[in-house]
Amino acid sequence: MGIAADTYADLTRKMYEDWENRFYPKQKELLEKASSGQLATEQLARVDENLDSSLRAATQSNTNNMARFGVKAEQDEGMAARQALGAAGAKNAVREHGKERSMAILSGANMGLRDQMNVGGGM
């Protein structure tokens, strides 16, 4: 073979070793979390934390704005129901995305075009 082919082969080997040492362990960990449901569970916990933080900030902002006018902010009767619906909607969206991600992992939908062609015997 020629120098160019040897150099290209060497680069390809080094790129594969780099991928195998740095990216594959993380990819494997994320795949295991996604397939076991741990990733979705972690995301659902973050939804609760983020929603609580956002609602606390919005309530405080409303209280501060009303206080500037010398008016006490009243608690809205339907606020708790809207908050619960918001939390349920966010959690359902996370669950739905988790199902889609699992199906994409199983079907190989996230493979690149070149990888899909190689699976079928092309290129």
N, C-alpha and C. Protein backbone atom coordinates (compact mmCIF):
# COMPACT_ATOMS: atom_id res chain seq x y z
N MET A 1 0.84 -1.17 0.00
CA MET A 1 0.00 0.00 0.00
C MET A 1 0.89 1.24 0.00
N GLY A 2 0.28 2.38 -0.15
CA GLY A 2 1.04 3.61 -0.22
C GLY A 2 1.06 4.33 1.12
N ILE A 3 1.79 5.42 1.15
CA ILE A 3 1.92 6.21 2.38
C ILE A 3 0.56 6.79 2.78
N ALA A 4 -0.19 7.26 1.79
CA ALA A 4 -1.50 7.85 2.08
C ALA A 4 -2.43 6.82 2.70
N ALA A 5 -2.44 5.62 2.14
CA ALA A 5 -3.31 4.57 2.66
C ALA A 5 -2.89 4.17 4.08
N ASP A 6 -1.60 4.09 4.32
CA ASP A 6 -1.12 3.75 5.66
C ASP A 6 -1.47 4.84 6.67
N THR A 7 -1.29 6.09 6.26
CA THR A 7 -1.63 7.21 7.13
C THR A 7 -3.12 7.22 7.44
N TYR A 8 -3.93 6.99 6.40
CA TYR A 8 -5.39 6.95 6.59
C TYR A 8 -5.77 5.81 7.53
N ALA A 9 -5.16 4.65 7.36
CA ALA A 9 -5.45 3.51 8.23
C ALA A 9 -5.04 3.81 9.66
N ASP A 10 -3.89 4.45 9.83
CA ASP A 10 -3.43 4.82 11.17
C ASP A 10 -4.39 5.81 11.83
N LEU A 11 -4.83 6.81 11.07
CA LEU A 11 -5.78 7.79 11.59
C LEU A 11 -7.10 7.12 11.98
N THR A 12 -7.56 6.21 11.15
CA THR A 12 -8.81 5.51 11.43
C THR A 12 -8.70 4.69 12.71
N ARG A 13 -7.57 4.00 12.89
CA ARG A 13 -7.35 3.21 14.11
C ARG A 13 -7.33 4.12 15.34
N LYS A 14 -6.63 5.26 15.23
CA LYS A 14 -6.55 6.18 16.37
C LYS A 14 -7.92 6.79 16.69
N MET A 15 -8.68 7.10 15.67
CA MET A 15 -10.02 7.64 15.90
C MET A 15 -10.90 6.60 16.59
N TYR A 16 -10.79 5.34 16.16
CA TYR A 16 -11.58 4.29 16.79
C TYR A 16 -11.16 4.09 18.24
N GLU A 17 -9.86 4.07 18.50
CA GLU A 17 -9.38 3.91 19.87
C GLU A 17 -9.85 5.07 20.75
N ASP A 18 -9.82 6.29 20.20
CA ASP A 18 -10.29 7.45 20.94
C ASP A 18 -11.78 7.32 21.26
N TRP A 19 -12.56 6.91 20.27
CA TRP A 19 -13.99 6.70 20.49
C TRP A 19 -14.23 5.63 21.54
N GLU A 20 -13.48 4.53 21.41
CA GLU A 20 -13.66 3.41 22.33
C GLU A 20 -13.28 3.78 23.76
N ASN A 21 -12.26 4.61 23.93
CA ASN A 21 -11.80 4.96 25.28
C ASN A 21 -12.61 6.10 25.91
N ARG A 22 -13.02 7.08 25.10
CA ARG A 22 -13.67 8.26 25.67
C ARG A 22 -15.18 8.28 25.52
N PHE A 23 -15.69 7.90 24.37
CA PHE A 23 -17.12 8.07 24.09
C PHE A 23 -17.93 6.81 24.35
N TYR A 24 -17.39 5.65 24.03
CA TYR A 24 -18.16 4.40 24.18
C TYR A 24 -18.61 4.14 25.61
N PRO A 25 -17.74 4.34 26.64
CA PRO A 25 -18.23 4.10 28.00
C PRO A 25 -19.42 4.99 28.37
N LYS A 26 -19.38 6.26 27.98
CA LYS A 26 -20.49 7.17 28.28
C LYS A 26 -21.73 6.78 27.49
N GLN A 27 -21.53 6.41 26.22
CA GLN A 27 -22.65 5.99 25.38
C GLN A 27 -23.30 4.73 25.97
N LYS A 28 -22.49 3.80 26.41
CA LYS A 28 -23.00 2.57 27.00
C LYS A 28 -23.78 2.86 28.29
N GLU A 29 -23.24 3.77 29.11
CA GLU A 29 -23.93 4.15 30.35
C GLU A 29 -25.29 4.79 30.05
N LEU A 30 -25.33 5.69 29.09
CA LEU A 30 -26.60 6.34 28.75
C LEU A 30 -27.59 5.35 28.16
N LEU A 31 -27.11 4.42 27.36
CA LEU A 31 -27.99 3.41 26.78
C LEU A 31 -28.58 2.52 27.88
N GLU A 32 -27.76 2.15 28.85
CA GLU A 32 -28.26 1.32 29.96
C GLU A 32 -29.28 2.09 30.79
N LYS A 33 -29.01 3.39 31.03
CA LYS A 33 -29.96 4.20 31.79
C LYS A 33 -31.27 4.36 31.03
N ALA A 34 -31.17 4.56 29.72
CA ALA A 34 -32.37 4.74 28.92
C ALA A 34 -33.20 3.47 28.87
N SER A 35 -32.55 2.32 28.74
CA SER A 35 -33.30 1.07 28.62
C SER A 35 -33.83 0.58 29.96
N SER A 36 -33.19 0.96 31.06
CA SER A 36 -33.66 0.51 32.37
C SER A 36 -34.74 1.43 32.96
N GLY A 37 -34.88 2.61 32.39
CA GLY A 37 -35.86 3.55 32.91
C GLY A 37 -35.28 4.52 33.92
N GLN A 38 -34.01 4.35 34.26
CA GLN A 38 -33.37 5.23 35.23
C GLN A 38 -33.28 6.66 34.70
N LEU A 39 -33.03 6.81 33.42
CA LEU A 39 -32.93 8.14 32.82
C LEU A 39 -34.25 8.89 32.94
N ALA A 40 -35.35 8.20 32.66
CA ALA A 40 -36.67 8.82 32.78
C ALA A 40 -36.98 9.18 34.22
N THR A 41 -36.59 8.33 35.16
CA THR A 41 -36.82 8.59 36.57
C THR A 41 -36.06 9.84 37.02
N GLU A 42 -34.81 9.96 36.57
CA GLU A 42 -34.02 11.14 36.90
C GLU A 42 -34.64 12.40 36.31
N GLN A 43 -35.13 12.29 35.08
CA GLN A 43 -35.76 13.45 34.44
C GLN A 43 -37.05 13.84 35.16
N LEU A 44 -37.83 12.86 35.60
CA LEU A 44 -39.06 13.16 36.34
C LEU A 44 -38.75 13.88 37.65
N ALA A 45 -37.67 13.49 38.31
CA ALA A 45 -37.28 14.17 39.55
C ALA A 45 -36.88 15.62 39.25
N ARG A 46 -36.18 15.82 38.14
CA ARG A 46 -35.80 17.19 37.77
C ARG A 46 -37.02 18.03 37.42
N VAL A 47 -38.06 17.41 36.84
CA VAL A 47 -39.28 18.15 36.53
C VAL A 47 -39.88 18.71 37.81
N ASP A 48 -39.97 17.88 38.85
CA ASP A 48 -40.51 18.34 40.13
C ASP A 48 -39.70 19.51 40.69
N GLU A 49 -38.38 19.36 40.69
CA GLU A 49 -37.51 20.41 41.23
C GLU A 49 -37.66 21.70 40.44
N ASN A 50 -37.62 21.60 39.12
CA ASN A 50 -37.72 22.80 38.27
C ASN A 50 -39.09 23.47 38.40
N LEU A 51 -40.14 22.67 38.44
CA LEU A 51 -41.47 23.22 38.56
C LEU A 51 -41.66 23.93 39.90
N ASP A 52 -41.20 23.31 40.98
CA ASP A 52 -41.30 23.93 42.30
C ASP A 52 -40.54 25.25 42.33
N SER A 53 -39.35 25.24 41.78
CA SER A 53 -38.53 26.46 41.75
C SER A 53 -39.19 27.56 40.93
N SER A 54 -39.72 27.20 39.77
CA SER A 54 -40.38 28.19 38.91
C SER A 54 -41.62 28.76 39.57
N LEU A 55 -42.42 27.90 40.18
CA LEU A 55 -43.64 28.37 40.83
C LEU A 55 -43.33 29.26 42.03
N ARG A 56 -42.30 28.91 42.77
CA ARG A 56 -41.89 29.72 43.91
C ARG A 56 -41.45 31.11 43.44
N ALA A 57 -40.67 31.14 42.36
CA ALA A 57 -40.20 32.42 41.82
C ALA A 57 -41.36 33.25 41.28
N ALA A 58 -42.31 32.62 40.60
CA ALA A 58 -43.46 33.35 40.06
C ALA A 58 -44.34 33.90 41.18
N THR A 59 -44.54 33.12 42.22
CA THR A 59 -45.35 33.57 43.36
C THR A 59 -44.68 34.75 44.05
N GLN A 60 -43.37 34.64 44.24
CA GLN A 60 -42.63 35.73 44.88
C GLN A 60 -42.67 36.99 44.03
N SER A 61 -42.53 36.83 42.73
CA SER A 61 -42.59 37.98 41.82
C SER A 61 -43.96 38.64 41.87
N ASN A 62 -45.01 37.85 41.87
CA ASN A 62 -46.37 38.38 41.95
C ASN A 62 -46.59 39.12 43.27
N THR A 63 -46.12 38.54 44.35
CA THR A 63 -46.25 39.18 45.67
C THR A 63 -45.52 40.51 45.69
N ASN A 64 -44.31 40.54 45.13
CA ASN A 64 -43.52 41.79 45.09
C ASN A 64 -44.21 42.86 44.23
N ASN A 65 -44.72 42.45 43.08
CA ASN A 65 -45.40 43.41 42.21
C ASN A 65 -46.64 43.99 42.87
N MET A 66 -47.41 43.16 43.53
CA MET A 66 -48.62 43.64 44.19
C MET A 66 -48.27 44.54 45.38
N ALA A 67 -47.17 44.22 46.07
CA ALA A 67 -46.75 45.02 47.22
C ALA A 67 -46.34 46.43 46.80
N ARG A 68 -45.85 46.57 45.60
CA ARG A 68 -45.47 47.91 45.11
C ARG A 68 -46.68 48.84 45.04
N PHE A 69 -47.83 48.24 44.82
CA PHE A 69 -49.06 49.04 44.74
C PHE A 69 -49.80 49.10 46.07
N GLY A 70 -49.20 48.48 47.10
CA GLY A 70 -49.82 48.50 48.42
C GLY A 70 -50.98 47.53 48.54
N VAL A 71 -51.02 46.53 47.67
CA VAL A 71 -52.11 45.56 47.67
C VAL A 71 -51.54 44.20 48.06
N LYS A 72 -52.28 43.50 48.89
CA LYS A 72 -51.85 42.16 49.27
C LYS A 72 -52.30 41.18 48.19
N ALA A 73 -51.38 40.35 47.74
CA ALA A 73 -51.71 39.35 46.72
C ALA A 73 -52.60 38.28 47.33
N GLU A 74 -53.68 37.99 46.63
CA GLU A 74 -54.61 36.96 47.11
C GLU A 74 -54.29 35.64 46.42
N GLN A 75 -54.52 34.59 47.16
CA GLN A 75 -54.27 33.27 46.61
C GLN A 75 -55.42 32.90 45.68
N ASP A 76 -55.10 32.57 44.46
CA ASP A 76 -56.10 32.17 43.48
C ASP A 76 -56.58 30.75 43.80
N GLU A 77 -57.89 30.56 43.78
CA GLU A 77 -58.46 29.25 44.13
C GLU A 77 -58.03 28.16 43.14
N GLY A 78 -57.94 28.52 41.87
CA GLY A 78 -57.62 27.51 40.85
C GLY A 78 -56.13 27.33 40.61
N MET A 79 -55.30 28.07 41.36
CA MET A 79 -53.85 27.99 41.13
C MET A 79 -53.30 26.59 41.40
N ALA A 80 -53.73 25.97 42.47
CA ALA A 80 -53.24 24.63 42.80
C ALA A 80 -53.61 23.63 41.71
N ALA A 81 -54.81 23.76 41.18
CA ALA A 81 -55.24 22.85 40.11
C ALA A 81 -54.41 23.08 38.85
N ARG A 82 -54.15 24.35 38.51
CA ARG A 82 -53.33 24.64 37.33
C ARG A 82 -51.90 24.15 37.52
N GLN A 83 -51.38 24.28 38.73
CA GLN A 83 -50.04 23.79 39.02
C GLN A 83 -49.97 22.27 38.88
N ALA A 84 -50.98 21.60 39.38
CA ALA A 84 -51.01 20.14 39.27
C ALA A 84 -51.11 19.70 37.81
N LEU A 85 -51.94 20.41 37.04
CA LEU A 85 -52.05 20.08 35.61
C LEU A 85 -50.74 20.34 34.88
N GLY A 86 -50.06 21.41 35.25
CA GLY A 86 -48.77 21.71 34.63
C GLY A 86 -47.74 20.63 34.94
N ALA A 87 -47.71 20.20 36.19
CA ALA A 87 -46.78 19.14 36.59
C ALA A 87 -47.11 17.83 35.88
N ALA A 88 -48.39 17.49 35.80
CA ALA A 88 -48.79 16.25 35.12
C ALA A 88 -48.44 16.31 33.64
N GLY A 89 -48.68 17.47 33.02
CA GLY A 89 -48.35 17.61 31.60
C GLY A 89 -46.86 17.48 31.34
N ALA A 90 -46.05 18.10 32.19
CA ALA A 90 -44.59 18.00 32.03
C ALA A 90 -44.11 16.57 32.22
N LYS A 91 -44.64 15.90 33.23
CA LYS A 91 -44.22 14.51 33.48
C LYS A 91 -44.68 13.59 32.36
N ASN A 92 -45.88 13.81 31.84
CA ASN A 92 -46.35 12.99 30.72
C ASN A 92 -45.48 13.20 29.49
N ALA A 93 -45.04 14.44 29.26
CA ALA A 93 -44.17 14.72 28.12
C ALA A 93 -42.83 13.99 28.28
N VAL A 94 -42.30 13.96 29.50
CA VAL A 94 -41.04 13.25 29.76
C VAL A 94 -41.23 11.75 29.52
N ARG A 95 -42.35 11.21 30.00
CA ARG A 95 -42.61 9.78 29.81
C ARG A 95 -42.76 9.43 28.32
N GLU A 96 -43.48 10.28 27.59
CA GLU A 96 -43.69 10.04 26.16
C GLU A 96 -42.36 10.10 25.41
N HIS A 97 -41.53 11.07 25.77
CA HIS A 97 -40.23 11.18 25.12
C HIS A 97 -39.36 9.95 25.45
N GLY A 98 -39.48 9.47 26.68
CA GLY A 98 -38.74 8.27 27.07
C GLY A 98 -39.15 7.06 26.25
N LYS A 99 -40.46 6.92 25.99
CA LYS A 99 -40.94 5.81 25.16
C LYS A 99 -40.41 5.93 23.74
N GLU A 100 -40.46 7.16 23.19
CA GLU A 100 -39.96 7.38 21.84
C GLU A 100 -38.46 7.09 21.75
N ARG A 101 -37.72 7.51 22.78
CA ARG A 101 -36.28 7.25 22.80
C ARG A 101 -36.01 5.75 22.85
N SER A 102 -36.76 5.02 23.67
CA SER A 102 -36.57 3.57 23.77
C SER A 102 -36.86 2.89 22.44
N MET A 103 -37.92 3.31 21.77
CA MET A 103 -38.24 2.73 20.48
C MET A 103 -37.17 3.07 19.43
N ALA A 104 -36.64 4.29 19.50
CA ALA A 104 -35.59 4.67 18.56
C ALA A 104 -34.32 3.86 18.81
N ILE A 105 -34.03 3.58 20.07
CA ILE A 105 -32.85 2.76 20.39
C ILE A 105 -33.05 1.34 19.87
N LEU A 106 -34.24 0.79 20.10
CA LEU A 106 -34.50 -0.58 19.67
C LEU A 106 -34.51 -0.72 18.15
N SER A 107 -35.05 0.30 17.47
CA SER A 107 -35.18 0.20 16.01
C SER A 107 -33.95 0.70 15.27
N GLY A 108 -33.04 1.36 15.99
CA GLY A 108 -31.86 1.90 15.32
C GLY A 108 -32.18 3.18 14.55
N ALA A 109 -33.23 3.86 14.90
CA ALA A 109 -33.65 5.05 14.17
C ALA A 109 -32.64 6.18 14.27
N ASN A 110 -31.79 6.18 15.28
CA ASN A 110 -30.83 7.26 15.46
C ASN A 110 -29.50 6.98 14.78
N MET A 111 -29.42 5.89 14.06
CA MET A 111 -28.19 5.60 13.34
C MET A 111 -28.02 6.59 12.20
N GLY A 112 -26.79 6.91 11.89
CA GLY A 112 -26.53 7.80 10.78
C GLY A 112 -26.86 7.13 9.46
N LEU A 113 -27.03 7.92 8.41
CA LEU A 113 -27.38 7.39 7.09
C LEU A 113 -26.31 6.42 6.60
N ARG A 114 -25.07 6.76 6.81
CA ARG A 114 -23.97 5.90 6.35
C ARG A 114 -24.02 4.55 7.07
N ASP A 115 -24.29 4.58 8.40
CA ASP A 115 -24.37 3.33 9.16
C ASP A 115 -25.55 2.48 8.68
N GLN A 116 -26.68 3.10 8.36
CA GLN A 116 -27.83 2.36 7.89
C GLN A 116 -27.54 1.70 6.55
N MET A 117 -26.80 2.39 5.70
CA MET A 117 -26.45 1.81 4.39
C MET A 117 -25.51 0.64 4.57
N ASN A 118 -24.58 0.72 5.55
CA ASN A 118 -23.66 -0.38 5.78
C ASN A 118 -24.38 -1.60 6.34
N VAL A 119 -25.43 -1.38 7.12
CA VAL A 119 -26.20 -2.51 7.67
C VAL A 119 -26.83 -3.28 6.54
N GLY A 120 -27.33 -2.59 5.53
CA GLY A 120 -27.99 -3.25 4.41
C GLY A 120 -27.04 -3.83 3.39
N GLY A 121 -25.76 -3.68 3.56
CA GLY A 121 -24.80 -4.25 2.62
C GLY A 121 -24.32 -3.26 1.58
N GLY A 122 -24.79 -2.01 1.65
CA GLY A 122 -24.32 -1.00 0.70
C GLY A 122 -22.96 -0.52 1.09
N MET A 123 -22.37 0.30 0.29
CA MET A 123 -21.05 0.91 0.49
C MET A 123 -20.09 -0.12 0.95
